[in-house]
Every structure is written in structure tokens, then in C-alpha cells.
Amino acid sequence: MDELSKVSISKINISASVQQEKFLLGIPKTVKVPQGAIVQWNIVGLENFLNESSLWRRGLIVTLYFSDKSPFHWKRQFVQLQNFRCNSYITSNIIRLAEEMANEKGDYKYGIQVTDGSSDETILFDEDPYLVVY
């Protein structure tokens, strides 16, 4: 068995929904992963976003950020969701926001921010989730 096949993948699924023109996210509050695991943040449930035409036209920018320290070589990743219905690589209404190997043990507070793609106005943010690398 090679080294790559021993690596575990921990998925953090962020559920997206739209209620009365308001974009909502369901973010797990604490996720624990072993050191060396690949951590994936996925946005799921985007069919709700696609069905709301005004949000779809304006677009959204979803940003994952670590304000203090990070177990990765980066502190900020983002994905811009606008007119992506036409993109052939989107087949399952799941968008990968970030993916990286967690190399440093510790407790890491992070945030998710959603910004209106046309006005740069912050629609929502959550700074309470934790990633615990053990």
C-alpha cells in the first residue's frame, strides 16, 4: 500500500439554502481531524441558489478564512459563484471551497463570509466554527 492511500479525507459540508431572497449557510461548529488528513470544505445544496434568479445574476463570493493561525500554508481561500450553471464541470451542485492537508496540530478558529458579487456587501458571516487537528 502506498503512502497516498493511507491519507484520510475529512469533508466539511456547508449546506446552502435560500429563504425569501436571503442566502443561508449551515456550518458544522466543530470538526476534528487527524494530523495529516486532507480537509475538504464543500458547499452543498446549490440547487437552491440556482433557483433564485436574482441571487444567481448578482453572484456570490464565499470566503473561508483563518484570522490568527492556520494548519495550512494559506489563511484565505474563496470561490466566486456567478453564472456557473453554464460550466460543464459542475455536475452535482457541490462546490469545493478549499482542500488541503492539515499538517499542524491545534485548535483553529475560522470563518466563512458570503459577499454579494456585484456590490461587495457582506451578506453573512460566521466566525464561530473550529477545526481541531489532533
C-alpha atoms as a PDB file:
ATOM      1  CA  MET A   1       0.000   0.000   0.000  1.00  0.00           C
ATOM      2  CA  ASP A   2       1.485   3.362  -0.990  1.00  0.00           C
ATOM      3  CA  GLU A   3       1.596   6.445   1.277  1.00  0.00           C
ATOM      4  CA  LEU A   4      -1.163   8.293  -0.592  1.00  0.00           C
ATOM      5  CA  SER A   5      -3.693   5.525   0.007  1.00  0.00           C
ATOM      6  CA  LYS A   6      -3.123   5.871   3.784  1.00  0.00           C
ATOM      7  CA  VAL A   7      -4.199   9.543   3.826  1.00  0.00           C
ATOM      8  CA  SER A   8      -7.692  10.134   5.201  1.00  0.00           C
ATOM      9  CA  ILE A   9     -10.065  12.724   3.767  1.00  0.00           C
ATOM     10  CA  SER A  10     -12.272  14.723   6.122  1.00  0.00           C
ATOM     11  CA  LYS A  11     -15.168  16.502   4.426  1.00  0.00           C
ATOM     12  CA  ILE A  12     -16.752  19.578   5.958  1.00  0.00           C
ATOM     13  CA  ASN A  13     -20.056  20.080   4.170  1.00  0.00           C
ATOM     14  CA  ILE A  14     -21.534  23.563   4.332  1.00  0.00           C
ATOM     15  CA  SER A  15     -25.216  23.455   3.404  1.00  0.00           C
ATOM     16  CA  ALA A  16     -26.543  26.341   1.326  1.00  0.00           C
ATOM     17  CA  SER A  17     -30.155  27.453   1.240  1.00  0.00           C
ATOM     18  CA  VAL A  18     -32.163  30.454   0.172  1.00  0.00           C
ATOM     19  CA  GLN A  19     -35.204  31.732   2.067  1.00  0.00           C
ATOM     20  CA  GLN A  20     -37.034  34.863   0.912  1.00  0.00           C
ATOM     21  CA  GLU A  21     -34.066  36.182  -1.084  1.00  0.00           C
ATOM     22  CA  LYS A  22     -31.761  35.526   1.889  1.00  0.00           C
ATOM     23  CA  PHE A  23     -28.784  33.203   1.453  1.00  0.00           C
ATOM     24  CA  LEU A  24     -28.156  30.919   4.459  1.00  0.00           C
ATOM     25  CA  LEU A  25     -25.338  28.533   5.341  1.00  0.00           C
ATOM     26  CA  GLY A  26     -25.290  25.571   7.710  1.00  0.00           C
ATOM     27  CA  ILE A  27     -21.742  25.231   9.038  1.00  0.00           C
ATOM     28  CA  PRO A  28     -20.618  22.491  11.465  1.00  0.00           C
ATOM     29  CA  LYS A  29     -19.444  24.204  14.670  1.00  0.00           C
ATOM     30  CA  THR A  30     -16.508  21.894  15.465  1.00  0.00           C
ATOM     31  CA  VAL A  31     -14.783  19.354  13.244  1.00  0.00           C
ATOM     32  CA  LYS A  32     -11.954  17.111  14.479  1.00  0.00           C
ATOM     33  CA  VAL A  33      -9.464  15.659  12.011  1.00  0.00           C
ATOM     34  CA  PRO A  34      -6.222  13.694  12.445  1.00  0.00           C
ATOM     35  CA  GLN A  35      -2.940  15.387  11.634  1.00  0.00           C
ATOM     36  CA  GLY A  36      -2.029  14.644   8.031  1.00  0.00           C
ATOM     37  CA  ALA A  37      -5.646  14.303   6.890  1.00  0.00           C
ATOM     38  CA  ILE A  38      -6.840  16.106   3.796  1.00  0.00           C
ATOM     39  CA  VAL A  39      -9.582  18.542   4.783  1.00  0.00           C
ATOM     40  CA  GLN A  40     -12.213  19.461   2.184  1.00  0.00           C
ATOM     41  CA  TRP A  41     -14.726  22.273   2.619  1.00  0.00           C
ATOM     42  CA  ASN A  42     -17.669  21.677   0.275  1.00  0.00           C
ATOM     43  CA  ILE A  43     -20.685  23.885  -0.339  1.00  0.00           C
ATOM     44  CA  VAL A  44     -23.722  21.657  -0.928  1.00  0.00           C
ATOM     45  CA  GLY A  45     -27.341  22.383  -1.802  1.00  0.00           C
ATOM     46  CA  LEU A  46     -26.597  24.906  -4.509  1.00  0.00           C
ATOM     47  CA  GLU A  47     -29.756  23.992  -6.414  1.00  0.00           C
ATOM     48  CA  ASN A  48     -31.467  26.460  -4.049  1.00  0.00           C
ATOM     49  CA  PHE A  49     -29.096  29.178  -5.214  1.00  0.00           C
ATOM     50  CA  LEU A  50     -29.674  28.367  -8.883  1.00  0.00           C
ATOM     51  CA  ASN A  51     -33.442  28.605  -8.473  1.00  0.00           C
ATOM     52  CA  GLU A  52     -33.236  32.150  -7.086  1.00  0.00           C
ATOM     53  CA  SER A  53     -32.598  34.109 -10.270  1.00  0.00           C
ATOM     54  CA  SER A  54     -31.765  37.482  -8.687  1.00  0.00           C
ATOM     55  CA  LEU A  55     -29.080  35.957  -6.452  1.00  0.00           C
ATOM     56  CA  TRP A  56     -27.783  33.913  -9.353  1.00  0.00           C
ATOM     57  CA  ARG A  57     -27.419  37.004 -11.558  1.00  0.00           C
ATOM     58  CA  ARG A  58     -25.658  39.031  -8.853  1.00  0.00           C
ATOM     59  CA  GLY A  59     -23.386  36.193  -7.849  1.00  0.00           C
ATOM     60  CA  LEU A  60     -21.824  35.398  -4.517  1.00  0.00           C
ATOM     61  CA  ILE A  61     -18.275  35.209  -3.211  1.00  0.00           C
ATOM     62  CA  VAL A  62     -17.816  32.623  -0.461  1.00  0.00           C
ATOM     63  CA  THR A  63     -14.602  33.057   1.539  1.00  0.00           C
ATOM     64  CA  LEU A  64     -13.061  30.674   4.071  1.00  0.00           C
ATOM     65  CA  TYR A  65     -10.519  32.421   6.287  1.00  0.00           C
ATOM     66  CA  PHE A  66      -8.351  31.876   9.340  1.00  0.00           C
ATOM     67  CA  SER A  67      -7.775  35.164  11.162  1.00  0.00           C
ATOM     68  CA  ASP A  68      -4.988  34.084  13.509  1.00  0.00           C
ATOM     69  CA  LYS A  69      -3.246  30.841  12.574  1.00  0.00           C
ATOM     70  CA  SER A  70      -3.909  28.036  10.134  1.00  0.00           C
ATOM     71  CA  PRO A  71      -2.840  24.377   9.882  1.00  0.00           C
ATOM     72  CA  PHE A  72      -2.242  25.022   6.165  1.00  0.00           C
ATOM     73  CA  HIS A  73       0.187  27.152   4.160  1.00  0.00           C
ATOM     74  CA  TRP A  74      -2.674  29.602   3.436  1.00  0.00           C
ATOM     75  CA  LYS A  75      -5.052  31.660   5.574  1.00  0.00           C
ATOM     76  CA  ARG A  76      -7.717  32.565   2.995  1.00  0.00           C
ATOM     77  CA  GLN A  77      -9.485  30.722   0.152  1.00  0.00           C
ATOM     78  CA  PHE A  78     -12.556  31.771  -1.797  1.00  0.00           C
ATOM     79  CA  VAL A  79     -14.865  30.719  -4.609  1.00  0.00           C
ATOM     80  CA  GLN A  80     -16.978  33.039  -6.738  1.00  0.00           C
ATOM     81  CA  LEU A  81     -20.407  31.691  -7.691  1.00  0.00           C
ATOM     82  CA  GLN A  82     -21.792  33.520 -10.682  1.00  0.00           C
ATOM     83  CA  ASN A  83     -23.294  32.163 -13.879  1.00  0.00           C
ATOM     84  CA  PHE A  84     -21.799  28.781 -13.039  1.00  0.00           C
ATOM     85  CA  ARG A  85     -24.842  26.880 -14.291  1.00  0.00           C
ATOM     86  CA  CYS A  86     -23.227  27.003 -17.736  1.00  0.00           C
ATOM     87  CA  ASN A  87     -19.969  25.437 -16.584  1.00  0.00           C
ATOM     88  CA  SER A  88     -19.765  21.796 -17.571  1.00  0.00           C
ATOM     89  CA  TYR A  89     -17.574  20.845 -14.574  1.00  0.00           C
ATOM     90  CA  ILE A  90     -20.462  21.437 -12.171  1.00  0.00           C
ATOM     91  CA  THR A  91     -22.410  18.211 -12.207  1.00  0.00           C
ATOM     92  CA  SER A  92     -23.692  17.674  -8.691  1.00  0.00           C
ATOM     93  CA  ASN A  93     -24.475  21.054  -7.072  1.00  0.00           C
ATOM     94  CA  ILE A  94     -21.386  20.681  -4.893  1.00  0.00           C
ATOM     95  CA  ILE A  95     -18.608  23.272  -4.990  1.00  0.00           C
ATOM     96  CA  ARG A  96     -15.252  22.633  -3.329  1.00  0.00           C
ATOM     97  CA  LEU A  97     -14.319  25.763  -1.421  1.00  0.00           C
ATOM     98  CA  ALA A  98     -10.918  24.541  -0.257  1.00  0.00           C
ATOM     99  CA  GLU A  99      -8.844  21.394   0.139  1.00  0.00           C
ATOM    100  CA  GLU A 100      -5.532  20.932   1.898  1.00  0.00           C
ATOM    101  CA  MET A 101      -3.577  18.601   4.166  1.00  0.00           C
ATOM    102  CA  ALA A 102      -3.745  19.583   7.862  1.00  0.00           C
ATOM    103  CA  ASN A 103      -0.092  19.480   8.907  1.00  0.00           C
ATOM    104  CA  GLU A 104      -0.123  21.343  12.232  1.00  0.00           C
ATOM    105  CA  LYS A 105      -1.870  20.090  15.387  1.00  0.00           C
ATOM    106  CA  GLY A 106      -4.017  22.555  17.283  1.00  0.00           C
ATOM    107  CA  ASP A 107      -7.401  24.255  17.582  1.00  0.00           C
ATOM    108  CA  TYR A 108      -8.119  26.664  14.733  1.00  0.00           C
ATOM    109  CA  LYS A 109     -10.965  29.146  14.715  1.00  0.00           C
ATOM    110  CA  TYR A 110     -12.054  30.053  11.212  1.00  0.00           C
ATOM    111  CA  GLY A 111     -14.778  31.996   9.467  1.00  0.00           C
ATOM    112  CA  ILE A 112     -16.988  31.774   6.416  1.00  0.00           C
ATOM    113  CA  GLN A 113     -18.056  35.011   4.745  1.00  0.00           C
ATOM    114  CA  VAL A 114     -20.553  35.427   1.909  1.00  0.00           C
ATOM    115  CA  THR A 115     -20.357  38.622  -0.132  1.00  0.00           C
ATOM    116  CA  ASP A 116     -22.694  39.919  -2.845  1.00  0.00           C
ATOM    117  CA  GLY A 117     -20.722  39.593  -6.085  1.00  0.00           C
ATOM    118  CA  SER A 118     -21.973  42.852  -7.583  1.00  0.00           C
ATOM    119  CA  SER A 119     -21.925  45.221  -4.590  1.00  0.00           C
ATOM    120  CA  ASP A 120     -19.187  43.687  -2.374  1.00  0.00           C
ATOM    121  CA  GLU A 121     -21.674  43.907   0.513  1.00  0.00           C
ATOM    122  CA  THR A 122     -21.273  41.221   3.172  1.00  0.00           C
ATOM    123  CA  ILE A 123     -24.436  39.126   3.196  1.00  0.00           C
ATOM    124  CA  LEU A 124     -23.481  36.906   6.122  1.00  0.00           C
ATOM    125  CA  PHE A 125     -20.533  35.603   8.062  1.00  0.00           C
ATOM    126  CA  ASP A 126     -19.863  33.035  10.744  1.00  0.00           C
ATOM    127  CA  GLU A 127     -16.708  33.254  12.836  1.00  0.00           C
ATOM    128  CA  ASP A 128     -17.528  30.533  15.341  1.00  0.00           C
ATOM    129  CA  PRO A 129     -16.526  27.241  13.694  1.00  0.00           C
ATOM    130  CA  TYR A 130     -13.436  25.357  14.876  1.00  0.00           C
ATOM    131  CA  LEU A 131     -11.162  22.921  13.144  1.00  0.00           C
ATOM    132  CA  VAL A 132      -9.345  20.712  15.650  1.00  0.00           C
ATOM    133  CA  VAL A 133      -6.302  18.873  14.316  1.00  0.00           C
ATOM    134  CA  TYR A 134      -5.163  16.089  16.682  1.00  0.00           C
END
